[in-house]
Amino acid sequence: MAQPHVAILGLGIMGAGMAGRVLSAGFPLTVYNRNRDKAKPLASSGATVANTPREAAANADIVISMVADDAASRDVWLGTNGALAGARKGSVLIESSTLSVPWVRELAAAAAKQGCELLDAPVTGSKPHAASGELLFWVGGSEAALVVARPVLAVMSRDIVHLGPTGSGALLKLINNFLCGVQAASFAEATALMDAGGLDRQKAVAVLTNGAPGSPLIKVLSARAAAGDFSPNFLLRLMAKDIGYAQAEGARDGVALQTAGAALAVFKHAIESGRGDQDFAAVIGSVGRG
């Protein structure tokens, strides 16, 4: 049985690694990225490079998008020469970006009118997990569409969790990132208090990371901060975007995410200080004395 033809839209930190996994597993692959230079390594390995999202989707059985936000997703699917206009009836569309739930549901409805099914399948993990096929997919949508998509998702992941109907994956991803953002922001404030109080930061952080506050995330963030390594695996400005989306979703559902608001203020300050395009670990060190 022939391998399904896959198209991947967006070759940023995550999309490039995902595309590499799909290509190495032998799936025919077409890629699209606004900056064509990012497609060159994949083209040299056998991928076809499309000029537009519509062109990328035209011959694909499965179309995957991995872009920055709602605006970028809307543009790649519904914009001029968008992928949805080129998608074949019966194809499975997968939105793996971290997006708002209302936009995911709007996109699913647009896909249905085109005779396609949409899965919202955001991921946990960062740049190294995408490159090594160790992502975790959280999926919303029909079981039938997931059956079709699963062989492709499997080469990029360590697990695939079907959470329920459309929007389920998007919602859990926002909750996940809001929790991570709150942890990161509180750790940034904690380190600022250590420094202001004259503690030996290295010793104090070691106590905390080996105690009750020492979540896997805090351990990673503290190690990156200690090394001064803020090369991006997950951009700080995108974490701020995700916290904002989570806060808005809470407001729609009547849940006031007060800690999300506090964390977002910390991240916005870090962006204003020029750290937006660094890894979100760079929020540590952005908090100063008031």
C-alpha atoms as a PDB file:
ATOM      1  CA  MET A   1       0.000   0.000   0.000  1.00  0.00           C
ATOM      2  CA  ALA A   2       1.410   3.385  -1.039  1.00  0.00           C
ATOM      3  CA  GLN A   3       2.543   5.742   1.666  1.00  0.00           C
ATOM      4  CA  PRO A   4       0.278   8.799   2.041  1.00  0.00           C
ATOM      5  CA  HIS A   5       1.652  12.012   0.626  1.00  0.00           C
ATOM      6  CA  VAL A   6       2.281  14.535   3.393  1.00  0.00           C
ATOM      7  CA  ALA A   7       2.508  18.315   3.249  1.00  0.00           C
ATOM      8  CA  ILE A   8       3.990  20.384   6.079  1.00  0.00           C
ATOM      9  CA  LEU A   9       3.332  24.109   6.283  1.00  0.00           C
ATOM     10  CA  GLY A  10       5.806  26.036   8.420  1.00  0.00           C
ATOM     11  CA  LEU A  11       9.459  25.130   8.918  1.00  0.00           C
ATOM     12  CA  GLY A  12      10.315  26.969  12.088  1.00  0.00           C
ATOM     13  CA  ILE A  13      11.927  25.507  15.199  1.00  0.00           C
ATOM     14  CA  MET A  14       9.334  22.722  15.424  1.00  0.00           C
ATOM     15  CA  GLY A  15       8.167  22.289  11.840  1.00  0.00           C
ATOM     16  CA  ALA A  16      11.639  21.675  10.447  1.00  0.00           C
ATOM     17  CA  GLY A  17      12.279  18.839  12.881  1.00  0.00           C
ATOM     18  CA  MET A  18       8.862  17.316  12.220  1.00  0.00           C
ATOM     19  CA  ALA A  19       9.431  17.476   8.472  1.00  0.00           C
ATOM     20  CA  GLY A  20      12.798  15.774   8.843  1.00  0.00           C
ATOM     21  CA  ARG A  21      11.181  12.890  10.721  1.00  0.00           C
ATOM     22  CA  VAL A  22       8.442  12.460   8.112  1.00  0.00           C
ATOM     23  CA  LEU A  23      10.965  12.483   5.281  1.00  0.00           C
ATOM     24  CA  SER A  24      13.316  10.035   6.994  1.00  0.00           C
ATOM     25  CA  ALA A  25      10.418   7.603   7.462  1.00  0.00           C
ATOM     26  CA  GLY A  26       9.909   7.439   3.712  1.00  0.00           C
ATOM     27  CA  PHE A  27       6.719   9.444   3.302  1.00  0.00           C
ATOM     28  CA  PRO A  28       6.509  11.548   0.134  1.00  0.00           C
ATOM     29  CA  LEU A  29       6.764  15.100   1.458  1.00  0.00           C
ATOM     30  CA  THR A  30       5.981  18.571   0.197  1.00  0.00           C
ATOM     31  CA  VAL A  31       6.924  21.547   2.349  1.00  0.00           C
ATOM     32  CA  TYR A  32       6.058  25.213   2.366  1.00  0.00           C
ATOM     33  CA  ASN A  33       7.644  28.083   4.257  1.00  0.00           C
ATOM     34  CA  ARG A  34       7.482  31.813   3.591  1.00  0.00           C
ATOM     35  CA  ASN A  35      11.284  31.936   3.737  1.00  0.00           C
ATOM     36  CA  ARG A  36      12.289  29.338   1.156  1.00  0.00           C
ATOM     37  CA  ASP A  37      15.842  29.172   2.505  1.00  0.00           C
ATOM     38  CA  LYS A  38      14.555  27.145   5.448  1.00  0.00           C
ATOM     39  CA  ALA A  39      13.351  24.495   3.009  1.00  0.00           C
ATOM     40  CA  LYS A  40      16.734  23.957   1.352  1.00  0.00           C
ATOM     41  CA  PRO A  41      18.027  21.223   3.708  1.00  0.00           C
ATOM     42  CA  LEU A  42      14.789  19.258   3.242  1.00  0.00           C
ATOM     43  CA  ALA A  43      14.853  19.757  -0.527  1.00  0.00           C
ATOM     44  CA  SER A  44      18.367  18.323  -0.639  1.00  0.00           C
ATOM     45  CA  SER A  45      17.028  15.257   1.192  1.00  0.00           C
ATOM     46  CA  GLY A  46      14.186  14.700  -1.274  1.00  0.00           C
ATOM     47  CA  ALA A  47      11.311  16.936  -0.232  1.00  0.00           C
ATOM     48  CA  THR A  48       9.369  18.938  -2.796  1.00  0.00           C
ATOM     49  CA  VAL A  49       9.239  22.661  -2.054  1.00  0.00           C
ATOM     50  CA  ALA A  50       5.950  24.389  -2.867  1.00  0.00           C
ATOM     51  CA  ASN A  51       5.573  28.057  -3.695  1.00  0.00           C
ATOM     52  CA  THR A  52       2.288  28.470  -1.821  1.00  0.00           C
ATOM     53  CA  PRO A  53       0.297  26.603   0.844  1.00  0.00           C
ATOM     54  CA  ARG A  54      -2.333  25.848  -1.806  1.00  0.00           C
ATOM     55  CA  GLU A  55       0.279  24.208  -4.011  1.00  0.00           C
ATOM     56  CA  ALA A  56       1.628  22.208  -1.072  1.00  0.00           C
ATOM     57  CA  ALA A  57      -1.805  20.840  -0.198  1.00  0.00           C
ATOM     58  CA  ALA A  58      -2.872  20.013  -3.750  1.00  0.00           C
ATOM     59  CA  ASN A  59      -1.321  16.537  -3.893  1.00  0.00           C
ATOM     60  CA  ALA A  60      -1.346  15.710  -0.206  1.00  0.00           C
ATOM     61  CA  ASP A  61      -3.400  13.155   1.676  1.00  0.00           C
ATOM     62  CA  ILE A  62      -2.365  14.672   5.010  1.00  0.00           C
ATOM     63  CA  VAL A  63      -1.591  18.364   5.509  1.00  0.00           C
ATOM     64  CA  ILE A  64       0.111  19.505   8.724  1.00  0.00           C
ATOM     65  CA  SER A  65       0.507  23.104   9.843  1.00  0.00           C
ATOM     66  CA  MET A  66       2.985  24.281  12.473  1.00  0.00           C
ATOM     67  CA  VAL A  67       2.989  28.062  12.686  1.00  0.00           C
ATOM     68  CA  ALA A  68       3.210  30.770  15.338  1.00  0.00           C
ATOM     69  CA  ASP A  69      -0.309  31.926  16.140  1.00  0.00           C
ATOM     70  CA  ASP A  70      -3.929  32.353  15.034  1.00  0.00           C
ATOM     71  CA  ALA A  71      -3.064  35.012  12.457  1.00  0.00           C
ATOM     72  CA  ALA A  72      -0.386  32.876  10.827  1.00  0.00           C
ATOM     73  CA  SER A  73      -2.664  29.835  10.866  1.00  0.00           C
ATOM     74  CA  ARG A  74      -5.529  31.761   9.299  1.00  0.00           C
ATOM     75  CA  ASP A  75      -3.204  33.038   6.590  1.00  0.00           C
ATOM     76  CA  VAL A  76      -1.712  29.655   5.760  1.00  0.00           C
ATOM     77  CA  TRP A  77      -5.121  27.937   5.556  1.00  0.00           C
ATOM     78  CA  LEU A  78      -7.510  30.637   4.323  1.00  0.00           C
ATOM     79  CA  GLY A  79      -5.335  33.433   2.971  1.00  0.00           C
ATOM     80  CA  THR A  80      -4.508  34.160  -0.648  1.00  0.00           C
ATOM     81  CA  ASN A  81      -3.403  30.796  -2.089  1.00  0.00           C
ATOM     82  CA  GLY A  82      -4.230  29.190   1.278  1.00  0.00           C
ATOM     83  CA  ALA A  83      -3.959  25.452   1.777  1.00  0.00           C
ATOM     84  CA  LEU A  84      -7.679  24.840   2.256  1.00  0.00           C
ATOM     85  CA  ALA A  85      -8.440  26.020  -1.272  1.00  0.00           C
ATOM     86  CA  GLY A  86      -6.034  23.407  -2.631  1.00  0.00           C
ATOM     87  CA  ALA A  87      -6.884  20.544  -0.281  1.00  0.00           C
ATOM     88  CA  ARG A  88      -8.392  17.484  -1.882  1.00  0.00           C
ATOM     89  CA  LYS A  89     -11.758  16.200  -0.717  1.00  0.00           C
ATOM     90  CA  GLY A  90     -11.219  13.458   1.859  1.00  0.00           C
ATOM     91  CA  SER A  91      -7.797  14.648   2.958  1.00  0.00           C
ATOM     92  CA  VAL A  92      -6.968  14.969   6.660  1.00  0.00           C
ATOM     93  CA  LEU A  93      -5.815  18.381   7.835  1.00  0.00           C
ATOM     94  CA  ILE A  94      -3.780  18.606  11.041  1.00  0.00           C
ATOM     95  CA  GLU A  95      -3.232  21.838  12.916  1.00  0.00           C
ATOM     96  CA  SER A  96      -0.332  21.310  15.327  1.00  0.00           C
ATOM     97  CA  SER A  97       0.196  24.956  16.237  1.00  0.00           C
ATOM     98  CA  THR A  98      -0.778  26.304  19.659  1.00  0.00           C
ATOM     99  CA  LEU A  99      -3.938  28.261  18.863  1.00  0.00           C
ATOM    100  CA  SER A 100      -7.128  29.613  20.374  1.00  0.00           C
ATOM    101  CA  VAL A 101     -10.042  27.218  20.633  1.00  0.00           C
ATOM    102  CA  PRO A 102     -12.514  29.441  18.723  1.00  0.00           C
ATOM    103  CA  TRP A 103     -10.177  29.655  15.747  1.00  0.00           C
ATOM    104  CA  VAL A 104      -9.631  25.877  15.741  1.00  0.00           C
ATOM    105  CA  ARG A 105     -13.391  25.311  15.665  1.00  0.00           C
ATOM    106  CA  GLU A 106     -13.834  27.878  12.896  1.00  0.00           C
ATOM    107  CA  LEU A 107     -11.113  26.173  10.867  1.00  0.00           C
ATOM    108  CA  ALA A 108     -12.711  22.746  11.408  1.00  0.00           C
ATOM    109  CA  ALA A 109     -16.014  24.055  10.073  1.00  0.00           C
ATOM    110  CA  ALA A 110     -14.281  25.518   7.023  1.00  0.00           C
ATOM    111  CA  ALA A 111     -12.506  22.207   6.419  1.00  0.00           C
ATOM    112  CA  ALA A 112     -15.781  20.291   6.620  1.00  0.00           C
ATOM    113  CA  LYS A 113     -17.299  22.531   3.934  1.00  0.00           C
ATOM    114  CA  GLN A 114     -14.339  21.566   1.750  1.00  0.00           C
ATOM    115  CA  GLY A 115     -14.981  17.856   2.350  1.00  0.00           C
ATOM    116  CA  CYS A 116     -11.949  17.471   4.630  1.00  0.00           C
ATOM    117  CA  GLU A 117     -11.538  16.618   8.315  1.00  0.00           C
ATOM    118  CA  LEU A 118      -9.471  18.662  10.721  1.00  0.00           C
ATOM    119  CA  LEU A 119      -7.583  17.355  13.710  1.00  0.00           C
ATOM    120  CA  ASP A 120      -6.271  19.847  16.239  1.00  0.00           C
ATOM    121  CA  ALA A 121      -3.090  18.100  17.333  1.00  0.00           C
ATOM    122  CA  PRO A 122      -0.754  20.413  19.222  1.00  0.00           C
ATOM    123  CA  VAL A 123       2.389  18.956  20.714  1.00  0.00           C
ATOM    124  CA  THR A 124       4.421  19.032  23.874  1.00  0.00           C
ATOM    125  CA  GLY A 125       8.168  19.098  23.516  1.00  0.00           C
ATOM    126  CA  SER A 126      10.600  21.516  21.957  1.00  0.00           C
ATOM    127  CA  LYS A 127      13.246  21.636  19.234  1.00  0.00           C
ATOM    128  CA  PRO A 128      15.228  18.502  20.234  1.00  0.00           C
ATOM    129  CA  HIS A 129      12.041  16.462  20.707  1.00  0.00           C
ATOM    130  CA  ALA A 130      10.801  17.437  17.240  1.00  0.00           C
ATOM    131  CA  ALA A 131      14.104  16.432  15.663  1.00  0.00           C
ATOM    132  CA  SER A 132      14.248  13.070  17.476  1.00  0.00           C
ATOM    133  CA  GLY A 133      10.598  12.066  17.069  1.00  0.00           C
ATOM    134  CA  GLU A 134       9.814  12.374  20.784  1.00  0.00           C
ATOM    135  CA  LEU A 135       6.868  14.772  20.663  1.00  0.00           C
ATOM    136  CA  LEU A 136       3.577  14.077  22.422  1.00  0.00           C
ATOM    137  CA  PHE A 137       0.477  14.812  20.336  1.00  0.00           C
ATOM    138  CA  TRP A 138      -2.767  15.846  22.039  1.00  0.00           C
ATOM    139  CA  VAL A 139      -5.537  15.342  19.520  1.00  0.00           C
ATOM    140  CA  GLY A 140      -9.053  16.699  19.132  1.00  0.00           C
ATOM    141  CA  GLY A 141     -11.307  15.490  16.320  1.00  0.00           C
ATOM    142  CA  SER A 142     -12.781  12.277  15.005  1.00  0.00           C
ATOM    143  CA  GLU A 143     -11.343   8.845  15.648  1.00  0.00           C
ATOM    144  CA  ALA A 144     -11.693   8.034  11.946  1.00  0.00           C
ATOM    145  CA  ALA A 145      -9.461  10.934  10.920  1.00  0.00           C
ATOM    146  CA  LEU A 146      -6.929   9.986  13.589  1.00  0.00           C
ATOM    147  CA  VAL A 147      -6.754   6.428  12.229  1.00  0.00           C
ATOM    148  CA  VAL A 148      -5.701   7.889   8.875  1.00  0.00           C
ATOM    149  CA  ALA A 149      -3.209  10.301  10.400  1.00  0.00           C
ATOM    150  CA  ARG A 150      -1.735   8.050  13.068  1.00  0.00           C
ATOM    151  CA  PRO A 151       1.054   6.433  10.951  1.00  0.00           C
ATOM    152  CA  VAL A 152       2.407   9.896  10.113  1.00  0.00           C
ATOM    153  CA  LEU A 153       2.038  11.257  13.639  1.00  0.00           C
ATOM    154  CA  ALA A 154       3.722   8.127  15.008  1.00  0.00           C
ATOM    155  CA  VAL A 155       7.062   8.844  13.296  1.00  0.00           C
ATOM    156  CA  MET A 156       7.166  12.245  14.998  1.00  0.00           C
ATOM    157  CA  SER A 157       6.092  11.192  18.475  1.00  0.00           C
ATOM    158  CA  ARG A 158       6.506   9.064  21.567  1.00  0.00           C
ATOM    159  CA  ASP A 159       2.742   9.003  22.114  1.00  0.00           C
ATOM    160  CA  ILE A 160      -0.562  10.186  20.656  1.00  0.00           C
ATOM    161  CA  VAL A 161      -3.438  10.946  23.018  1.00  0.00           C
ATOM    162  CA  HIS A 162      -6.957  11.315  21.601  1.00  0.00           C
ATOM    163  CA  LEU A 163      -8.702  13.689  24.001  1.00  0.00           C
ATOM    164  CA  GLY A 164     -12.119  14.048  22.390  1.00  0.00           C
ATOM    165  CA  PRO A 165     -13.928  16.318  19.925  1.00  0.00           C
ATOM    166  CA  THR A 166     -12.554  19.259  17.981  1.00  0.00           C
ATOM    167  CA  GLY A 167     -10.861  21.813  20.218  1.00  0.00           C
ATOM    168  CA  SER A 168      -9.892  19.332  22.943  1.00  0.00           C
ATOM    169  CA  GLY A 169      -6.239  19.248  21.954  1.00  0.00           C
ATOM    170  CA  ALA A 170      -6.059  23.018  21.603  1.00  0.00           C
ATOM    171  CA  LEU A 171      -7.599  23.586  25.024  1.00  0.00           C
ATOM    172  CA  LEU A 172      -5.312  21.183  26.876  1.00  0.00           C
ATOM    173  CA  LYS A 173      -2.267  22.683  25.169  1.00  0.00           C
ATOM    174  CA  LEU A 174      -3.228  26.162  26.371  1.00  0.00           C
ATOM    175  CA  ILE A 175      -3.720  24.840  29.891  1.00  0.00           C
ATOM    176  CA  ASN A 176      -0.353  23.077  29.725  1.00  0.00           C
ATOM    177  CA  ASN A 177       1.493  26.165  28.541  1.00  0.00           C
ATOM    178  CA  PHE A 178      -0.246  28.451  31.014  1.00  0.00           C
ATOM    179  CA  LEU A 179       0.901  26.156  33.840  1.00  0.00           C
ATOM    180  CA  CYS A 180       4.441  26.115  32.457  1.00  0.00           C
ATOM    181  CA  GLY A 181       4.423  29.883  32.079  1.00  0.00           C
ATOM    182  CA  VAL A 182       3.308  30.400  35.662  1.00  0.00           C
ATOM    183  CA  GLN A 183       6.098  28.132  36.890  1.00  0.00           C
ATOM    184  CA  ALA A 184       8.668  29.959  34.803  1.00  0.00           C
ATOM    185  CA  ALA A 185       7.485  33.397  35.900  1.00  0.00           C
ATOM    186  CA  SER A 186       7.447  32.437  39.572  1.00  0.00           C
ATOM    187  CA  PHE A 187      10.952  30.995  39.283  1.00  0.00           C
ATOM    188  CA  ALA A 188      12.130  34.215  37.640  1.00  0.00           C
ATOM    189  CA  GLU A 189      10.760  36.171  40.589  1.00  0.00           C
ATOM    190  CA  ALA A 190      12.248  33.671  43.042  1.00  0.00           C
ATOM    191  CA  THR A 191      15.743  34.060  41.595  1.00  0.00           C
ATOM    192  CA  ALA A 192      15.387  37.847  41.701  1.00  0.00           C
ATOM    193  CA  LEU A 193      14.515  37.604  45.400  1.00  0.00           C
ATOM    194  CA  MET A 194      17.533  35.344  46.001  1.00  0.00           C
ATOM    195  CA  ASP A 195      19.819  37.889  44.393  1.00  0.00           C
ATOM    196  CA  ALA A 196      18.248  40.865  46.153  1.00  0.00           C
ATOM    197  CA  GLY A 197      18.490  39.105  49.525  1.00  0.00           C
ATOM    198  CA  GLY A 198      22.137  38.206  49.083  1.00  0.00           C
ATOM    199  CA  LEU A 199      21.724  34.437  48.866  1.00  0.00           C
ATOM    200  CA  ASP A 200      24.192  32.281  46.971  1.00  0.00           C
ATOM    201  CA  ARG A 201      21.982  31.639  43.971  1.00  0.00           C
ATOM    202  CA  GLN A 202      23.655  28.365  43.013  1.00  0.00           C
ATOM    203  CA  LYS A 203      23.160  26.880  46.475  1.00  0.00           C
ATOM    204  CA  ALA A 204      19.625  28.225  46.838  1.00  0.00           C
ATOM    205  CA  VAL A 205      18.547  26.906  43.434  1.00  0.00           C
ATOM    206  CA  ALA A 206      20.039  23.499  44.256  1.00  0.00           C
ATOM    207  CA  VAL A 207      17.947  23.351  47.443  1.00  0.00           C
ATOM    208  CA  LEU A 208      14.759  24.271  45.574  1.00  0.00           C
ATOM    209  CA  THR A 209      15.258  22.028  42.554  1.00  0.00           C
ATOM    210  CA  ASN A 210      15.954  19.045  44.801  1.00  0.00           C
ATOM    211  CA  GLY A 211      12.925  19.830  46.957  1.00  0.00           C
ATOM    212  CA  ALA A 212       9.183  20.132  46.492  1.00  0.00           C
ATOM    213  CA  PRO A 213       9.347  22.991  43.925  1.00  0.00           C
ATOM    214  CA  GLY A 214      11.761  21.036  41.715  1.00  0.00           C
ATOM    215  CA  SER A 215       9.492  20.118  38.811  1.00  0.00           C
ATOM    216  CA  PRO A 216      11.101  18.805  35.609  1.00  0.00           C
ATOM    217  CA  LEU A 217      10.457  22.190  34.006  1.00  0.00           C
ATOM    218  CA  ILE A 218      12.087  24.165  36.816  1.00  0.00           C
ATOM    219  CA  LYS A 219      15.121  21.874  36.643  1.00  0.00           C
ATOM    220  CA  VAL A 220      15.509  22.505  32.920  1.00  0.00           C
ATOM    221  CA  LEU A 221      15.014  26.258  33.260  1.00  0.00           C
ATOM    222  CA  SER A 222      17.477  26.536  36.144  1.00  0.00           C
ATOM    223  CA  ALA A 223      20.111  24.589  34.224  1.00  0.00           C
ATOM    224  CA  ARG A 224      19.734  26.795  31.158  1.00  0.00           C
ATOM    225  CA  ALA A 225      19.882  29.947  33.260  1.00  0.00           C
ATOM    226  CA  ALA A 226      23.000  28.734  35.073  1.00  0.00           C
ATOM    227  CA  ALA A 227      24.660  28.039  31.729  1.00  0.00           C
ATOM    228  CA  GLY A 228      23.510  31.352  30.289  1.00  0.00           C
ATOM    229  CA  ASP A 229      22.119  29.394  27.322  1.00  0.00           C
ATOM    230  CA  PHE A 230      18.998  31.053  25.964  1.00  0.00           C
ATOM    231  CA  SER A 231      19.280  29.806  22.391  1.00  0.00           C
ATOM    232  CA  PRO A 232      15.660  29.211  21.414  1.00  0.00           C
ATOM    233  CA  ASN A 233      13.963  25.869  21.746  1.00  0.00           C
ATOM    234  CA  PHE A 234      10.675  27.647  22.462  1.00  0.00           C
ATOM    235  CA  LEU A 235      10.505  31.393  21.926  1.00  0.00           C
ATOM    236  CA  LEU A 236       9.709  33.563  24.921  1.00  0.00           C
ATOM    237  CA  ARG A 237       7.264  35.690  22.925  1.00  0.00           C
ATOM    238  CA  LEU A 238       5.313  32.579  21.944  1.00  0.00           C
ATOM    239  CA  MET A 239       4.973  31.558  25.573  1.00  0.00           C
ATOM    240  CA  ALA A 240       3.513  35.008  26.242  1.00  0.00           C
ATOM    241  CA  LYS A 241       1.094  34.500  23.349  1.00  0.00           C
ATOM    242  CA  ASP A 242      -0.004  31.130  24.725  1.00  0.00           C
ATOM    243  CA  ILE A 243      -0.595  32.498  28.223  1.00  0.00           C
ATOM    244  CA  GLY A 244      -2.706  35.261  26.689  1.00  0.00           C
ATOM    245  CA  TYR A 245      -4.763  32.746  24.692  1.00  0.00           C
ATOM    246  CA  ALA A 246      -5.307  30.674  27.852  1.00  0.00           C
ATOM    247  CA  GLN A 247      -6.411  33.738  29.777  1.00  0.00           C
ATOM    248  CA  ALA A 248      -8.892  34.632  27.022  1.00  0.00           C
ATOM    249  CA  GLU A 249     -10.237  31.071  26.950  1.00  0.00           C
ATOM    250  CA  GLY A 250     -10.751  31.218  30.698  1.00  0.00           C
ATOM    251  CA  ALA A 251     -12.690  34.464  30.319  1.00  0.00           C
ATOM    252  CA  ARG A 252     -14.931  32.884  27.663  1.00  0.00           C
ATOM    253  CA  ASP A 253     -15.647  29.973  30.020  1.00  0.00           C
ATOM    254  CA  GLY A 254     -16.143  32.159  33.087  1.00  0.00           C
ATOM    255  CA  VAL A 255     -12.885  31.143  34.767  1.00  0.00           C
ATOM    256  CA  ALA A 256     -10.622  33.977  35.896  1.00  0.00           C
ATOM    257  CA  LEU A 257      -7.046  32.755  35.456  1.00  0.00           C
ATOM    258  CA  GLN A 258      -5.490  35.253  37.846  1.00  0.00           C
ATOM    259  CA  THR A 259      -2.088  33.559  37.971  1.00  0.00           C
ATOM    260  CA  ALA A 260      -2.024  33.602  34.167  1.00  0.00           C
ATOM    261  CA  GLY A 261      -2.443  37.369  34.253  1.00  0.00           C
ATOM    262  CA  ALA A 262       0.425  37.753  36.699  1.00  0.00           C
ATOM    263  CA  ALA A 263       2.690  35.471  34.651  1.00  0.00           C
ATOM    264  CA  LEU A 264       1.805  37.287  31.437  1.00  0.00           C
ATOM    265  CA  ALA A 265       2.906  40.583  32.996  1.00  0.00           C
ATOM    266  CA  VAL A 266       6.297  39.044  33.794  1.00  0.00           C
ATOM    267  CA  PHE A 267       6.687  37.744  30.244  1.00  0.00           C
ATOM    268  CA  LYS A 268       5.611  41.042  28.695  1.00  0.00           C
ATOM    269  CA  HIS A 269       8.283  42.802  30.752  1.00  0.00           C
ATOM    270  CA  ALA A 270      10.852  40.310  29.449  1.00  0.00           C
ATOM    271  CA  ILE A 271       9.756  41.017  25.871  1.00  0.00           C
ATOM    272  CA  GLU A 272      10.038  44.769  26.474  1.00  0.00           C
ATOM    273  CA  SER A 273      13.592  44.201  27.711  1.00  0.00           C
ATOM    274  CA  GLY A 274      14.507  42.573  24.379  1.00  0.00           C
ATOM    275  CA  ARG A 275      14.211  38.885  25.257  1.00  0.00           C
ATOM    276  CA  GLY A 276      11.253  37.946  23.042  1.00  0.00           C
ATOM    277  CA  ASP A 277      13.258  35.978  20.485  1.00  0.00           C
ATOM    278  CA  GLN A 278      15.290  34.112  23.102  1.00  0.00           C
ATOM    279  CA  ASP A 279      14.222  30.863  24.716  1.00  0.00           C
ATOM    280  CA  PHE A 280      11.498  31.343  27.302  1.00  0.00           C
ATOM    281  CA  ALA A 281      14.062  30.393  29.976  1.00  0.00           C
ATOM    282  CA  ALA A 282      15.346  33.951  29.433  1.00  0.00           C
ATOM    283  CA  VAL A 283      12.462  35.173  31.591  1.00  0.00           C
ATOM    284  CA  ILE A 284      14.852  34.298  34.418  1.00  0.00           C
ATOM    285  CA  GLY A 285      16.936  37.390  34.970  1.00  0.00           C
ATOM    286  CA  SER A 286      14.283  39.702  33.520  1.00  0.00           C
ATOM    287  CA  VAL A 287      12.812  40.502  36.927  1.00  0.00           C
ATOM    288  CA  GLY A 288      14.461  43.347  38.794  1.00  0.00           C
ATOM    289  CA  ARG A 289      13.782  45.366  41.891  1.00  0.00           C
ATOM    290  CA  GLY A 290      10.667  47.481  41.668  1.00  0.00           C
END
